Amino acid sequence: MSHVNILKFGVSSPADTSPMKALKAAGYSSSDILAVIGKSEGNGCVNDFSRTLSTHVWEPLIPDSAVTIFSGGTEGVLSPHVTFILQESKATGLQAAAGHTRPLEPHEIGKTEHALEVASSIRKILTQAGISKQNVQLVLVKCPLLTSNTVEAVRAASKVPVTTDTYESMAKSRYASALGIAVALEEIQESGLDEAIRNNETWSSKASCSSGAELEDCHILIIASDPSSGNLRAASSYMNDAIDARAILHILERVKSEHGNVLQVFVKAEADPKNYIRGFRHTMNNDSDIHSTRHARAAVGGLIAGLVGDTQVYVSGGAEGQGPPGGGSLTVFYSVAES
């Protein structure tokens, strides 16, 4: 287990690593980094190479035991940035641990095997770190997707891919990862996993999953509350739909009541698959020019940024299994005055 702090900095491009200088000015070294979580300014789709570039420039700068999780897409008012999860020697109120799954075979992506591997890895990380699953506030997973080349490789091996649509594979991968989180945290039973994979309606309230072509394994970051001591706090909930301002306002009222300061917000966003929000029809799923995940990021990003007063928030599109359908998981990390 690592006691952790959270710091974030804006970036000028996907290749910008200047936040390392700001980190050192704050008294940290690269060896203190447990994770780098970023929002890059690509399209957030299969061919978003901004994620690949960010991963490429950051991974040589951090310890081998640390993970990178980059989510593409800063539509609307969202501002590209990186968030550091930093190890501290004393209790802060938050604890975290990171790890990886084994590399997934392309034919496993989006299937039960994928979810089981994520669940097994999370259980192992929690056990080794001594973190109780009851204290877990957020589990971030960066997971692989299928490309046209890997689809053909699966076929050549006489196996069946979860889908031949590379964009759909992003959703399938996110969903399997989210179910793995739900199993590990005992939000659902492992015996019901096969059915959950089929029904596409099961979800975890603590999952935040993003898929990309820049990796073959899953990067996992677990952030939990530390009940011992410290001035950092976490509040987890979920949005019921893309305009659920009440969910975030409820948390912000708690922060205000504790005279706190918001450090970072992590939220998942998606276009409601039934094409309606509170009885009103939306067209996000029918736009042939702009993918629905991009619409959802812009809409939810504007809502969250406006309420928090900060555009450097982590809004990730595609919330399959990460909060209720059409909504998304929501976690706010904040600091309070030292007692």
C-alpha atoms as a PDB file:
ATOM      1  CA  MET A   1       0.000   0.000   0.000  1.00  0.00           C
ATOM      2  CA  SER A   2       1.149   3.507  -0.798  1.00  0.00           C
ATOM      3  CA  HIS A   3      -0.057   6.672   0.865  1.00  0.00           C
ATOM      4  CA  VAL A   4      -0.618   9.056  -2.027  1.00  0.00           C
ATOM      5  CA  ASN A   5      -1.104  12.657  -3.037  1.00  0.00           C
ATOM      6  CA  ILE A   6      -2.741  13.966  -6.215  1.00  0.00           C
ATOM      7  CA  LEU A   7      -1.357  16.786  -8.369  1.00  0.00           C
ATOM      8  CA  LYS A   8      -2.345  17.830 -11.874  1.00  0.00           C
ATOM      9  CA  PHE A   9      -0.840  20.083 -14.535  1.00  0.00           C
ATOM     10  CA  GLY A  10      -1.871  21.283 -17.968  1.00  0.00           C
ATOM     11  CA  VAL A  11       0.031  20.212 -21.089  1.00  0.00           C
ATOM     12  CA  SER A  12       0.638  22.040 -24.353  1.00  0.00           C
ATOM     13  CA  SER A  13       0.571  18.907 -26.519  1.00  0.00           C
ATOM     14  CA  PRO A  14       0.429  15.103 -26.218  1.00  0.00           C
ATOM     15  CA  ALA A  15       4.250  15.101 -26.198  1.00  0.00           C
ATOM     16  CA  ASP A  16       4.605  17.701 -23.430  1.00  0.00           C
ATOM     17  CA  THR A  17       6.433  16.328 -20.387  1.00  0.00           C
ATOM     18  CA  SER A  18       7.144  19.726 -18.795  1.00  0.00           C
ATOM     19  CA  PRO A  19       4.938  18.836 -15.796  1.00  0.00           C
ATOM     20  CA  MET A  20       7.941  16.829 -14.593  1.00  0.00           C
ATOM     21  CA  LYS A  21       9.645  20.145 -13.852  1.00  0.00           C
ATOM     22  CA  ALA A  22       6.621  21.361 -11.919  1.00  0.00           C
ATOM     23  CA  LEU A  23       6.573  18.071 -10.048  1.00  0.00           C
ATOM     24  CA  LYS A  24      10.193  18.471  -8.997  1.00  0.00           C
ATOM     25  CA  ALA A  25       9.516  22.067  -7.960  1.00  0.00           C
ATOM     26  CA  ALA A  26       6.804  20.681  -5.687  1.00  0.00           C
ATOM     27  CA  GLY A  27       9.381  18.462  -4.009  1.00  0.00           C
ATOM     28  CA  TYR A  28       8.793  15.163  -5.806  1.00  0.00           C
ATOM     29  CA  SER A  29      11.029  12.972  -7.941  1.00  0.00           C
ATOM     30  CA  SER A  30      10.130  10.546 -10.720  1.00  0.00           C
ATOM     31  CA  SER A  31      10.560   7.645  -8.283  1.00  0.00           C
ATOM     32  CA  ASP A  32       7.545   8.947  -6.344  1.00  0.00           C
ATOM     33  CA  ILE A  33       5.187   8.465  -9.311  1.00  0.00           C
ATOM     34  CA  LEU A  34       2.710   5.632  -8.979  1.00  0.00           C
ATOM     35  CA  ALA A  35       0.622   6.629 -12.006  1.00  0.00           C
ATOM     36  CA  VAL A  36       0.265   9.245 -14.716  1.00  0.00           C
ATOM     37  CA  ILE A  37      -3.338   9.734 -15.811  1.00  0.00           C
ATOM     38  CA  GLY A  38      -3.904  12.031 -18.742  1.00  0.00           C
ATOM     39  CA  LYS A  39      -6.412  13.561 -21.115  1.00  0.00           C
ATOM     40  CA  SER A  40      -4.949  14.041 -24.600  1.00  0.00           C
ATOM     41  CA  GLU A  41      -6.428  16.004 -27.449  1.00  0.00           C
ATOM     42  CA  GLY A  42      -7.054  13.252 -30.014  1.00  0.00           C
ATOM     43  CA  ASN A  43     -10.417  11.931 -31.136  1.00  0.00           C
ATOM     44  CA  GLY A  44     -10.622   9.234 -28.457  1.00  0.00           C
ATOM     45  CA  CYS A  45     -11.329   6.609 -31.112  1.00  0.00           C
ATOM     46  CA  VAL A  46      -9.346   3.674 -32.534  1.00  0.00           C
ATOM     47  CA  ASN A  47      -6.943   5.876 -34.489  1.00  0.00           C
ATOM     48  CA  ASP A  48      -6.253   8.315 -31.647  1.00  0.00           C
ATOM     49  CA  PHE A  49      -2.471   8.417 -31.804  1.00  0.00           C
ATOM     50  CA  SER A  50      -2.287  11.197 -29.226  1.00  0.00           C
ATOM     51  CA  ARG A  51      -2.711   8.491 -26.575  1.00  0.00           C
ATOM     52  CA  THR A  52       0.137   6.498 -28.109  1.00  0.00           C
ATOM     53  CA  LEU A  53       2.386   9.560 -28.227  1.00  0.00           C
ATOM     54  CA  SER A  54       1.651  10.505 -24.625  1.00  0.00           C
ATOM     55  CA  THR A  55       2.303   6.955 -23.459  1.00  0.00           C
ATOM     56  CA  HIS A  56       5.525   6.847 -25.470  1.00  0.00           C
ATOM     57  CA  VAL A  57       6.965  10.030 -23.949  1.00  0.00           C
ATOM     58  CA  TRP A  58       5.849   9.411 -20.364  1.00  0.00           C
ATOM     59  CA  GLU A  59       6.649   5.752 -19.766  1.00  0.00           C
ATOM     60  CA  PRO A  60      10.464   6.190 -19.963  1.00  0.00           C
ATOM     61  CA  LEU A  61      10.222   8.877 -17.267  1.00  0.00           C
ATOM     62  CA  ILE A  62       8.414   6.859 -14.605  1.00  0.00           C
ATOM     63  CA  PRO A  63       9.268   3.723 -12.605  1.00  0.00           C
ATOM     64  CA  ASP A  64       8.647   0.327 -14.202  1.00  0.00           C
ATOM     65  CA  SER A  65       6.132  -0.377 -11.447  1.00  0.00           C
ATOM     66  CA  ALA A  66       4.088   2.721 -12.309  1.00  0.00           C
ATOM     67  CA  VAL A  67       1.290   2.813 -14.882  1.00  0.00           C
ATOM     68  CA  THR A  68       0.114   5.242 -17.523  1.00  0.00           C
ATOM     69  CA  ILE A  69      -3.572   5.711 -18.295  1.00  0.00           C
ATOM     70  CA  PHE A  70      -4.251   8.134 -21.147  1.00  0.00           C
ATOM     71  CA  SER A  71      -7.746   8.895 -22.351  1.00  0.00           C
ATOM     72  CA  GLY A  72      -8.153  10.660 -25.662  1.00  0.00           C
ATOM     73  CA  GLY A  73     -10.667  13.385 -26.378  1.00  0.00           C
ATOM     74  CA  THR A  74     -10.858  16.911 -24.964  1.00  0.00           C
ATOM     75  CA  GLU A  75     -13.918  18.082 -26.835  1.00  0.00           C
ATOM     76  CA  GLY A  76     -15.699  21.274 -25.862  1.00  0.00           C
ATOM     77  CA  VAL A  77     -14.178  23.068 -22.890  1.00  0.00           C
ATOM     78  CA  LEU A  78     -12.065  20.139 -21.635  1.00  0.00           C
ATOM     79  CA  SER A  79      -8.394  21.016 -21.250  1.00  0.00           C
ATOM     80  CA  PRO A  80      -5.541  18.550 -21.900  1.00  0.00           C
ATOM     81  CA  HIS A  81      -3.695  17.710 -18.695  1.00  0.00           C
ATOM     82  CA  VAL A  82      -1.938  15.037 -16.661  1.00  0.00           C
ATOM     83  CA  THR A  83      -2.778  13.928 -13.133  1.00  0.00           C
ATOM     84  CA  PHE A  84      -0.035  12.415 -10.992  1.00  0.00           C
ATOM     85  CA  ILE A  85      -0.687   9.864  -8.272  1.00  0.00           C
ATOM     86  CA  LEU A  86       2.326  10.328  -6.003  1.00  0.00           C
ATOM     87  CA  GLN A  87       3.643   8.167  -3.197  1.00  0.00           C
ATOM     88  CA  GLU A  88       3.989   9.796   0.217  1.00  0.00           C
ATOM     89  CA  SER A  89       5.844   8.574   3.302  1.00  0.00           C
ATOM     90  CA  LYS A  90       3.044   9.527   5.708  1.00  0.00           C
ATOM     91  CA  ALA A  91      -0.696   8.930   5.712  1.00  0.00           C
ATOM     92  CA  THR A  92      -2.623  11.390   3.548  1.00  0.00           C
ATOM     93  CA  GLY A  93      -6.149  10.033   3.704  1.00  0.00           C
ATOM     94  CA  LEU A  94      -5.769   8.228   0.378  1.00  0.00           C
ATOM     95  CA  GLN A  95      -3.997   5.021  -0.548  1.00  0.00           C
ATOM     96  CA  ALA A  96      -3.343   3.518  -3.965  1.00  0.00           C
ATOM     97  CA  ALA A  97      -1.790   0.588  -5.768  1.00  0.00           C
ATOM     98  CA  ALA A  98      -1.061  -0.159  -9.402  1.00  0.00           C
ATOM     99  CA  GLY A  99      -0.386  -3.185 -11.566  1.00  0.00           C
ATOM    100  CA  HIS A 100      -0.913  -4.942 -14.861  1.00  0.00           C
ATOM    101  CA  THR A 101      -2.685  -7.957 -16.218  1.00  0.00           C
ATOM    102  CA  ARG A 102      -0.796 -10.355 -18.460  1.00  0.00           C
ATOM    103  CA  PRO A 103      -0.960  -9.429 -22.155  1.00  0.00           C
ATOM    104  CA  LEU A 104      -4.372 -10.410 -23.482  1.00  0.00           C
ATOM    105  CA  GLU A 105      -4.648 -12.555 -26.580  1.00  0.00           C
ATOM    106  CA  PRO A 106      -6.636 -10.692 -29.253  1.00  0.00           C
ATOM    107  CA  HIS A 107      -9.378 -13.326 -29.237  1.00  0.00           C
ATOM    108  CA  GLU A 108      -9.846 -12.787 -25.468  1.00  0.00           C
ATOM    109  CA  ILE A 109     -10.491  -9.040 -25.677  1.00  0.00           C
ATOM    110  CA  GLY A 110     -14.030  -8.157 -24.642  1.00  0.00           C
ATOM    111  CA  LYS A 111     -14.885 -11.666 -23.480  1.00  0.00           C
ATOM    112  CA  THR A 112     -15.209 -13.525 -20.183  1.00  0.00           C
ATOM    113  CA  GLU A 113     -11.488 -14.361 -20.183  1.00  0.00           C
ATOM    114  CA  HIS A 114     -10.713 -10.650 -20.304  1.00  0.00           C
ATOM    115  CA  ALA A 115     -12.999  -9.875 -17.347  1.00  0.00           C
ATOM    116  CA  LEU A 116     -11.612 -12.756 -15.295  1.00  0.00           C
ATOM    117  CA  GLU A 117      -8.038 -11.616 -15.891  1.00  0.00           C
ATOM    118  CA  VAL A 118      -8.881  -8.089 -14.724  1.00  0.00           C
ATOM    119  CA  ALA A 119     -10.690  -9.448 -11.660  1.00  0.00           C
ATOM    120  CA  SER A 120      -7.802 -11.748 -10.755  1.00  0.00           C
ATOM    121  CA  SER A 121      -5.243  -8.957 -11.148  1.00  0.00           C
ATOM    122  CA  ILE A 122      -7.265  -6.531  -9.013  1.00  0.00           C
ATOM    123  CA  ARG A 123      -7.645  -9.106  -6.247  1.00  0.00           C
ATOM    124  CA  LYS A 124      -3.902  -9.728  -6.311  1.00  0.00           C
ATOM    125  CA  ILE A 125      -3.091  -6.006  -6.216  1.00  0.00           C
ATOM    126  CA  LEU A 126      -5.481  -5.433  -3.305  1.00  0.00           C
ATOM    127  CA  THR A 127      -4.045  -8.359  -1.345  1.00  0.00           C
ATOM    128  CA  GLN A 128      -0.431  -7.362  -1.907  1.00  0.00           C
ATOM    129  CA  ALA A 129      -1.157  -3.729  -1.029  1.00  0.00           C
ATOM    130  CA  GLY A 130      -3.229  -4.569   2.036  1.00  0.00           C
ATOM    131  CA  ILE A 131      -6.134  -2.458   0.790  1.00  0.00           C
ATOM    132  CA  SER A 132      -9.646  -3.439   1.806  1.00  0.00           C
ATOM    133  CA  LYS A 133     -12.102  -3.563  -1.074  1.00  0.00           C
ATOM    134  CA  GLN A 134     -14.600  -1.739   1.146  1.00  0.00           C
ATOM    135  CA  ASN A 135     -12.316   1.326   1.049  1.00  0.00           C
ATOM    136  CA  VAL A 136     -11.907   1.362  -2.741  1.00  0.00           C
ATOM    137  CA  GLN A 137     -13.231   4.555  -4.306  1.00  0.00           C
ATOM    138  CA  LEU A 138     -12.119   4.169  -7.914  1.00  0.00           C
ATOM    139  CA  VAL A 139     -10.506   1.583 -10.160  1.00  0.00           C
ATOM    140  CA  LEU A 140      -9.075   2.907 -13.413  1.00  0.00           C
ATOM    141  CA  VAL A 141      -8.245   0.427 -16.174  1.00  0.00           C
ATOM    142  CA  LYS A 142      -6.599   1.108 -19.498  1.00  0.00           C
ATOM    143  CA  CYS A 143      -7.394  -1.836 -21.755  1.00  0.00           C
ATOM    144  CA  PRO A 144      -6.532  -2.957 -25.302  1.00  0.00           C
ATOM    145  CA  LEU A 145      -8.772  -2.911 -28.366  1.00  0.00           C
ATOM    146  CA  LEU A 146      -8.895  -4.732 -31.687  1.00  0.00           C
ATOM    147  CA  THR A 147      -7.369  -3.287 -34.835  1.00  0.00           C
ATOM    148  CA  SER A 148      -7.905  -4.550 -38.379  1.00  0.00           C
ATOM    149  CA  ASN A 149      -4.578  -6.378 -38.113  1.00  0.00           C
ATOM    150  CA  THR A 150      -5.443  -8.138 -34.853  1.00  0.00           C
ATOM    151  CA  VAL A 151      -8.887  -9.092 -36.173  1.00  0.00           C
ATOM    152  CA  GLU A 152      -7.220 -10.791 -39.125  1.00  0.00           C
ATOM    153  CA  ALA A 153      -4.702 -12.462 -36.793  1.00  0.00           C
ATOM    154  CA  VAL A 154      -7.569 -13.897 -34.732  1.00  0.00           C
ATOM    155  CA  ARG A 155      -9.222 -15.257 -37.858  1.00  0.00           C
ATOM    156  CA  ALA A 156      -5.943 -16.694 -39.111  1.00  0.00           C
ATOM    157  CA  ALA A 157      -5.631 -18.571 -35.817  1.00  0.00           C
ATOM    158  CA  SER A 158      -9.103 -20.080 -36.417  1.00  0.00           C
ATOM    159  CA  LYS A 159     -10.536 -18.192 -33.446  1.00  0.00           C
ATOM    160  CA  VAL A 160     -13.448 -15.788 -33.218  1.00  0.00           C
ATOM    161  CA  PRO A 161     -13.035 -12.116 -32.241  1.00  0.00           C
ATOM    162  CA  VAL A 162     -15.633 -10.525 -29.991  1.00  0.00           C
ATOM    163  CA  THR A 163     -16.431  -8.243 -32.960  1.00  0.00           C
ATOM    164  CA  THR A 164     -14.913  -7.363 -36.323  1.00  0.00           C
ATOM    165  CA  ASP A 165     -15.775  -3.689 -35.857  1.00  0.00           C
ATOM    166  CA  THR A 166     -12.692  -2.037 -34.357  1.00  0.00           C
ATOM    167  CA  TYR A 167     -14.657   0.876 -32.878  1.00  0.00           C
ATOM    168  CA  GLU A 168     -17.135  -1.507 -31.262  1.00  0.00           C
ATOM    169  CA  SER A 169     -14.199  -3.443 -29.821  1.00  0.00           C
ATOM    170  CA  MET A 170     -13.386  -0.395 -27.684  1.00  0.00           C
ATOM    171  CA  ALA A 171     -16.790  -0.663 -26.023  1.00  0.00           C
ATOM    172  CA  LYS A 172     -16.537  -4.435 -25.632  1.00  0.00           C
ATOM    173  CA  SER A 173     -13.123  -4.086 -23.999  1.00  0.00           C
ATOM    174  CA  ARG A 174     -14.297  -1.367 -21.619  1.00  0.00           C
ATOM    175  CA  TYR A 175     -17.329  -3.436 -20.639  1.00  0.00           C
ATOM    176  CA  ALA A 176     -15.310  -6.586 -19.939  1.00  0.00           C
ATOM    177  CA  SER A 177     -12.854  -4.544 -17.866  1.00  0.00           C
ATOM    178  CA  ALA A 178     -15.694  -2.970 -15.880  1.00  0.00           C
ATOM    179  CA  LEU A 179     -17.204  -6.386 -15.174  1.00  0.00           C
ATOM    180  CA  GLY A 180     -13.803  -7.561 -13.964  1.00  0.00           C
ATOM    181  CA  ILE A 181     -13.780  -4.649 -11.519  1.00  0.00           C
ATOM    182  CA  ALA A 182     -17.313  -5.479 -10.388  1.00  0.00           C
ATOM    183  CA  VAL A 183     -16.343  -9.111  -9.750  1.00  0.00           C
ATOM    184  CA  ALA A 184     -13.181  -8.169  -7.829  1.00  0.00           C
ATOM    185  CA  LEU A 185     -15.084  -5.700  -5.624  1.00  0.00           C
ATOM    186  CA  GLU A 186     -17.905  -8.231  -5.185  1.00  0.00           C
ATOM    187  CA  GLU A 187     -20.489  -5.935  -6.733  1.00  0.00           C
ATOM    188  CA  ILE A 188     -21.510  -8.977  -8.796  1.00  0.00           C
ATOM    189  CA  GLN A 189     -20.861 -12.687  -8.421  1.00  0.00           C
ATOM    190  CA  GLU A 190     -18.265 -14.369 -10.623  1.00  0.00           C
ATOM    191  CA  SER A 191     -20.798 -17.131 -11.323  1.00  0.00           C
ATOM    192  CA  GLY A 192     -22.954 -14.583 -13.157  1.00  0.00           C
ATOM    193  CA  LEU A 193     -20.164 -13.230 -15.333  1.00  0.00           C
ATOM    194  CA  ASP A 194     -21.049 -15.097 -18.537  1.00  0.00           C
ATOM    195  CA  GLU A 195     -24.616 -13.819 -18.373  1.00  0.00           C
ATOM    196  CA  ALA A 196     -23.411 -10.307 -17.573  1.00  0.00           C
ATOM    197  CA  ILE A 197     -21.148 -10.339 -20.642  1.00  0.00           C
ATOM    198  CA  ARG A 198     -24.157 -11.219 -22.767  1.00  0.00           C
ATOM    199  CA  ASN A 199     -26.710  -8.800 -21.330  1.00  0.00           C
ATOM    200  CA  ASN A 200     -24.634  -5.598 -21.533  1.00  0.00           C
ATOM    201  CA  GLU A 201     -26.578  -4.105 -18.624  1.00  0.00           C
ATOM    202  CA  THR A 202     -24.471  -4.955 -15.562  1.00  0.00           C
ATOM    203  CA  TRP A 203     -22.374  -2.168 -14.080  1.00  0.00           C
ATOM    204  CA  SER A 204     -19.899  -1.159 -11.404  1.00  0.00           C
ATOM    205  CA  SER A 205     -20.136   2.125  -9.525  1.00  0.00           C
ATOM    206  CA  LYS A 206     -16.349   2.280  -9.026  1.00  0.00           C
ATOM    207  CA  ALA A 207     -15.114   1.542 -12.567  1.00  0.00           C
ATOM    208  CA  SER A 208     -13.440   3.899 -15.042  1.00  0.00           C
ATOM    209  CA  CYS A 209     -12.177   2.079 -18.137  1.00  0.00           C
ATOM    210  CA  SER A 210     -10.588   3.435 -21.287  1.00  0.00           C
ATOM    211  CA  SER A 211      -9.420   1.410 -24.279  1.00  0.00           C
ATOM    212  CA  GLY A 212      -6.600   2.041 -26.716  1.00  0.00           C
ATOM    213  CA  ALA A 213      -4.359   0.510 -29.352  1.00  0.00           C
ATOM    214  CA  GLU A 214      -1.201   1.509 -27.474  1.00  0.00           C
ATOM    215  CA  LEU A 215      -1.114  -1.554 -25.190  1.00  0.00           C
ATOM    216  CA  GLU A 216      -1.776  -5.289 -25.103  1.00  0.00           C
ATOM    217  CA  ASP A 217      -2.251  -5.761 -21.361  1.00  0.00           C
ATOM    218  CA  CYS A 218      -4.489  -3.837 -18.971  1.00  0.00           C
ATOM    219  CA  HIS A 219      -3.026  -1.106 -16.779  1.00  0.00           C
ATOM    220  CA  ILE A 220      -4.783  -0.986 -13.405  1.00  0.00           C
ATOM    221  CA  LEU A 221      -4.833   1.773 -10.785  1.00  0.00           C
ATOM    222  CA  ILE A 222      -6.789   1.395  -7.550  1.00  0.00           C
ATOM    223  CA  ILE A 223      -7.422   4.447  -5.354  1.00  0.00           C
ATOM    224  CA  ALA A 224      -8.955   3.963  -1.923  1.00  0.00           C
ATOM    225  CA  SER A 225      -9.724   5.921   1.210  1.00  0.00           C
ATOM    226  CA  ASP A 226      -7.327   5.509   4.116  1.00  0.00           C
ATOM    227  CA  PRO A 227      -9.347   5.661   7.345  1.00  0.00           C
ATOM    228  CA  SER A 228      -6.248   6.144   9.518  1.00  0.00           C
ATOM    229  CA  SER A 229      -5.485   9.848   9.052  1.00  0.00           C
ATOM    230  CA  GLY A 230      -4.727  12.598   6.549  1.00  0.00           C
ATOM    231  CA  ASN A 231      -6.389  15.571   4.884  1.00  0.00           C
ATOM    232  CA  LEU A 232      -7.289  14.045   1.500  1.00  0.00           C
ATOM    233  CA  ARG A 233     -10.762  12.710   0.851  1.00  0.00           C
ATOM    234  CA  ALA A 234     -12.706  10.871  -1.844  1.00  0.00           C
ATOM    235  CA  ALA A 235     -16.408  10.766  -2.632  1.00  0.00           C
ATOM    236  CA  SER A 236     -17.778   8.225  -5.108  1.00  0.00           C
ATOM    237  CA  SER A 237     -21.190   8.154  -6.729  1.00  0.00           C
ATOM    238  CA  TYR A 238     -22.605   7.938 -10.253  1.00  0.00           C
ATOM    239  CA  MET A 239     -24.542  10.063 -12.704  1.00  0.00           C
ATOM    240  CA  ASN A 240     -27.892   8.613 -13.771  1.00  0.00           C
ATOM    241  CA  ASP A 241     -27.700  10.394 -17.107  1.00  0.00           C
ATOM    242  CA  ALA A 242     -25.610  12.948 -18.984  1.00  0.00           C
ATOM    243  CA  ILE A 243     -27.351  15.938 -17.359  1.00  0.00           C
ATOM    244  CA  ASP A 244     -27.357  14.640 -13.786  1.00  0.00           C
ATOM    245  CA  ALA A 245     -26.081  17.829 -12.175  1.00  0.00           C
ATOM    246  CA  ARG A 246     -27.595  16.762  -8.864  1.00  0.00           C
ATOM    247  CA  ALA A 247     -25.067  13.931  -8.487  1.00  0.00           C
ATOM    248  CA  ILE A 248     -22.048  16.220  -8.700  1.00  0.00           C
ATOM    249  CA  LEU A 249     -23.723  19.021  -6.713  1.00  0.00           C
ATOM    250  CA  HIS A 250     -24.412  16.604  -3.866  1.00  0.00           C
ATOM    251  CA  ILE A 251     -20.689  15.813  -3.648  1.00  0.00           C
ATOM    252  CA  LEU A 252     -19.691  19.459  -4.019  1.00  0.00           C
ATOM    253  CA  GLU A 253     -21.992  20.353  -1.136  1.00  0.00           C
ATOM    254  CA  ARG A 254     -20.146  17.800   0.984  1.00  0.00           C
ATOM    255  CA  VAL A 255     -16.814  19.309  -0.050  1.00  0.00           C
ATOM    256  CA  LYS A 256     -18.080  22.783   0.829  1.00  0.00           C
ATOM    257  CA  SER A 257     -19.391  21.632   4.211  1.00  0.00           C
ATOM    258  CA  GLU A 258     -15.898  20.345   5.032  1.00  0.00           C
ATOM    259  CA  HIS A 259     -14.290  23.572   3.733  1.00  0.00           C
ATOM    260  CA  GLY A 260     -12.518  21.448   1.140  1.00  0.00           C
ATOM    261  CA  ASN A 261     -10.814  22.055  -2.193  1.00  0.00           C
ATOM    262  CA  VAL A 262     -11.429  19.824  -5.205  1.00  0.00           C
ATOM    263  CA  LEU A 263      -8.241  18.200  -6.492  1.00  0.00           C
ATOM    264  CA  GLN A 264      -9.627  16.183  -9.389  1.00  0.00           C
ATOM    265  CA  VAL A 265     -12.851  14.766 -10.775  1.00  0.00           C
ATOM    266  CA  PHE A 266     -13.083  11.450 -12.630  1.00  0.00           C
ATOM    267  CA  VAL A 267     -16.298  10.815 -14.531  1.00  0.00           C
ATOM    268  CA  LYS A 268     -17.468   8.491 -17.284  1.00  0.00           C
ATOM    269  CA  ALA A 269     -19.866   9.687 -19.973  1.00  0.00           C
ATOM    270  CA  GLU A 270     -21.953   8.050 -22.665  1.00  0.00           C
ATOM    271  CA  ALA A 271     -24.887   8.719 -24.950  1.00  0.00           C
ATOM    272  CA  ASP A 272     -27.904   6.907 -23.564  1.00  0.00           C
ATOM    273  CA  PRO A 273     -28.220   3.742 -25.682  1.00  0.00           C
ATOM    274  CA  LYS A 274     -32.015   4.090 -25.771  1.00  0.00           C
ATOM    275  CA  ASN A 275     -31.648   7.486 -27.503  1.00  0.00           C
ATOM    276  CA  TYR A 276     -33.620   9.355 -24.856  1.00  0.00           C
ATOM    277  CA  ILE A 277     -32.661  11.486 -21.856  1.00  0.00           C
ATOM    278  CA  ARG A 278     -35.499  11.986 -19.377  1.00  0.00           C
ATOM    279  CA  GLY A 279     -38.044  11.371 -22.099  1.00  0.00           C
ATOM    280  CA  PHE A 280     -36.457  13.676 -24.660  1.00  0.00           C
ATOM    281  CA  ARG A 281     -34.925  12.227 -27.819  1.00  0.00           C
ATOM    282  CA  HIS A 282     -31.216  12.818 -28.438  1.00  0.00           C
ATOM    283  CA  THR A 283     -29.318  12.267 -31.706  1.00  0.00           C
ATOM    284  CA  MET A 284     -25.839  11.441 -30.421  1.00  0.00           C
ATOM    285  CA  ASN A 285     -26.023   7.796 -31.509  1.00  0.00           C
ATOM    286  CA  ASN A 286     -27.183   8.674 -35.033  1.00  0.00           C
ATOM    287  CA  ASP A 287     -24.513  11.210 -35.982  1.00  0.00           C
ATOM    288  CA  SER A 288     -22.416   9.848 -38.852  1.00  0.00           C
ATOM    289  CA  ASP A 289     -19.935  12.724 -38.598  1.00  0.00           C
ATOM    290  CA  ILE A 290     -19.073  12.642 -34.896  1.00  0.00           C
ATOM    291  CA  HIS A 291     -18.987   9.509 -32.765  1.00  0.00           C
ATOM    292  CA  SER A 292     -21.359   9.441 -29.797  1.00  0.00           C
ATOM    293  CA  THR A 293     -18.487   9.190 -27.306  1.00  0.00           C
ATOM    294  CA  ARG A 294     -17.247  12.580 -28.479  1.00  0.00           C
ATOM    295  CA  HIS A 295     -20.682  14.164 -28.051  1.00  0.00           C
ATOM    296  CA  ALA A 296     -20.978  12.669 -24.572  1.00  0.00           C
ATOM    297  CA  ARG A 297     -17.538  13.898 -23.462  1.00  0.00           C
ATOM    298  CA  ALA A 298     -18.339  17.419 -24.606  1.00  0.00           C
ATOM    299  CA  ALA A 299     -21.754  17.481 -22.931  1.00  0.00           C
ATOM    300  CA  VAL A 300     -20.707  15.973 -19.610  1.00  0.00           C
ATOM    301  CA  GLY A 301     -17.377  17.828 -19.686  1.00  0.00           C
ATOM    302  CA  GLY A 302     -19.171  21.149 -19.957  1.00  0.00           C
ATOM    303  CA  LEU A 303     -21.512  20.246 -17.110  1.00  0.00           C
ATOM    304  CA  ILE A 304     -18.755  19.102 -14.740  1.00  0.00           C
ATOM    305  CA  ALA A 305     -16.344  21.916 -15.624  1.00  0.00           C
ATOM    306  CA  GLY A 306     -19.041  24.531 -15.088  1.00  0.00           C
ATOM    307  CA  LEU A 307     -20.066  23.191 -11.701  1.00  0.00           C
ATOM    308  CA  VAL A 308     -16.521  22.619 -10.439  1.00  0.00           C
ATOM    309  CA  GLY A 309     -15.038  25.737 -12.063  1.00  0.00           C
ATOM    310  CA  ASP A 310     -12.174  23.780 -13.633  1.00  0.00           C
ATOM    311  CA  THR A 311     -11.723  22.521 -17.203  1.00  0.00           C
ATOM    312  CA  GLN A 312      -8.850  20.151 -16.327  1.00  0.00           C
ATOM    313  CA  VAL A 313     -11.210  17.356 -15.312  1.00  0.00           C
ATOM    314  CA  TYR A 314     -10.970  13.715 -16.373  1.00  0.00           C
ATOM    315  CA  VAL A 315     -14.059  13.020 -18.475  1.00  0.00           C
ATOM    316  CA  SER A 316     -13.795   9.753 -20.374  1.00  0.00           C
ATOM    317  CA  GLY A 317     -16.259   8.670 -23.051  1.00  0.00           C
ATOM    318  CA  GLY A 318     -17.817   5.227 -23.300  1.00  0.00           C
ATOM    319  CA  ALA A 319     -19.332   4.200 -19.965  1.00  0.00           C
ATOM    320  CA  GLU A 320     -20.317   0.616 -20.734  1.00  0.00           C
ATOM    321  CA  GLY A 321     -20.626  -1.116 -17.362  1.00  0.00           C
ATOM    322  CA  GLN A 322     -19.314   1.968 -15.558  1.00  0.00           C
ATOM    323  CA  GLY A 323     -22.389   3.389 -13.918  1.00  0.00           C
ATOM    324  CA  PRO A 324     -25.975   2.962 -15.131  1.00  0.00           C
ATOM    325  CA  PRO A 325     -26.686   2.952 -18.897  1.00  0.00           C
ATOM    326  CA  GLY A 326     -26.638   6.515 -20.177  1.00  0.00           C
ATOM    327  CA  GLY A 327     -24.912   7.735 -17.006  1.00  0.00           C
ATOM    328  CA  GLY A 328     -21.457   7.086 -15.625  1.00  0.00           C
ATOM    329  CA  SER A 329     -19.307   6.585 -12.560  1.00  0.00           C
ATOM    330  CA  LEU A 330     -18.262   9.716 -10.662  1.00  0.00           C
ATOM    331  CA  THR A 331     -15.443  10.204  -8.171  1.00  0.00           C
ATOM    332  CA  VAL A 332     -14.235  13.461  -6.634  1.00  0.00           C
ATOM    333  CA  PHE A 333     -10.946  13.754  -4.777  1.00  0.00           C
ATOM    334  CA  TYR A 334     -10.517  16.757  -2.504  1.00  0.00           C
ATOM    335  CA  SER A 335      -8.427  18.143   0.321  1.00  0.00           C
ATOM    336  CA  VAL A 336      -9.496  19.604   3.659  1.00  0.00           C
ATOM    337  CA  ALA A 337      -7.561  21.769   6.087  1.00  0.00           C
ATOM    338  CA  GLU A 338      -5.024  19.986   8.249  1.00  0.00           C
ATOM    339  CA  SER A 339      -6.494  19.279  11.672  1.00  0.00           C
END
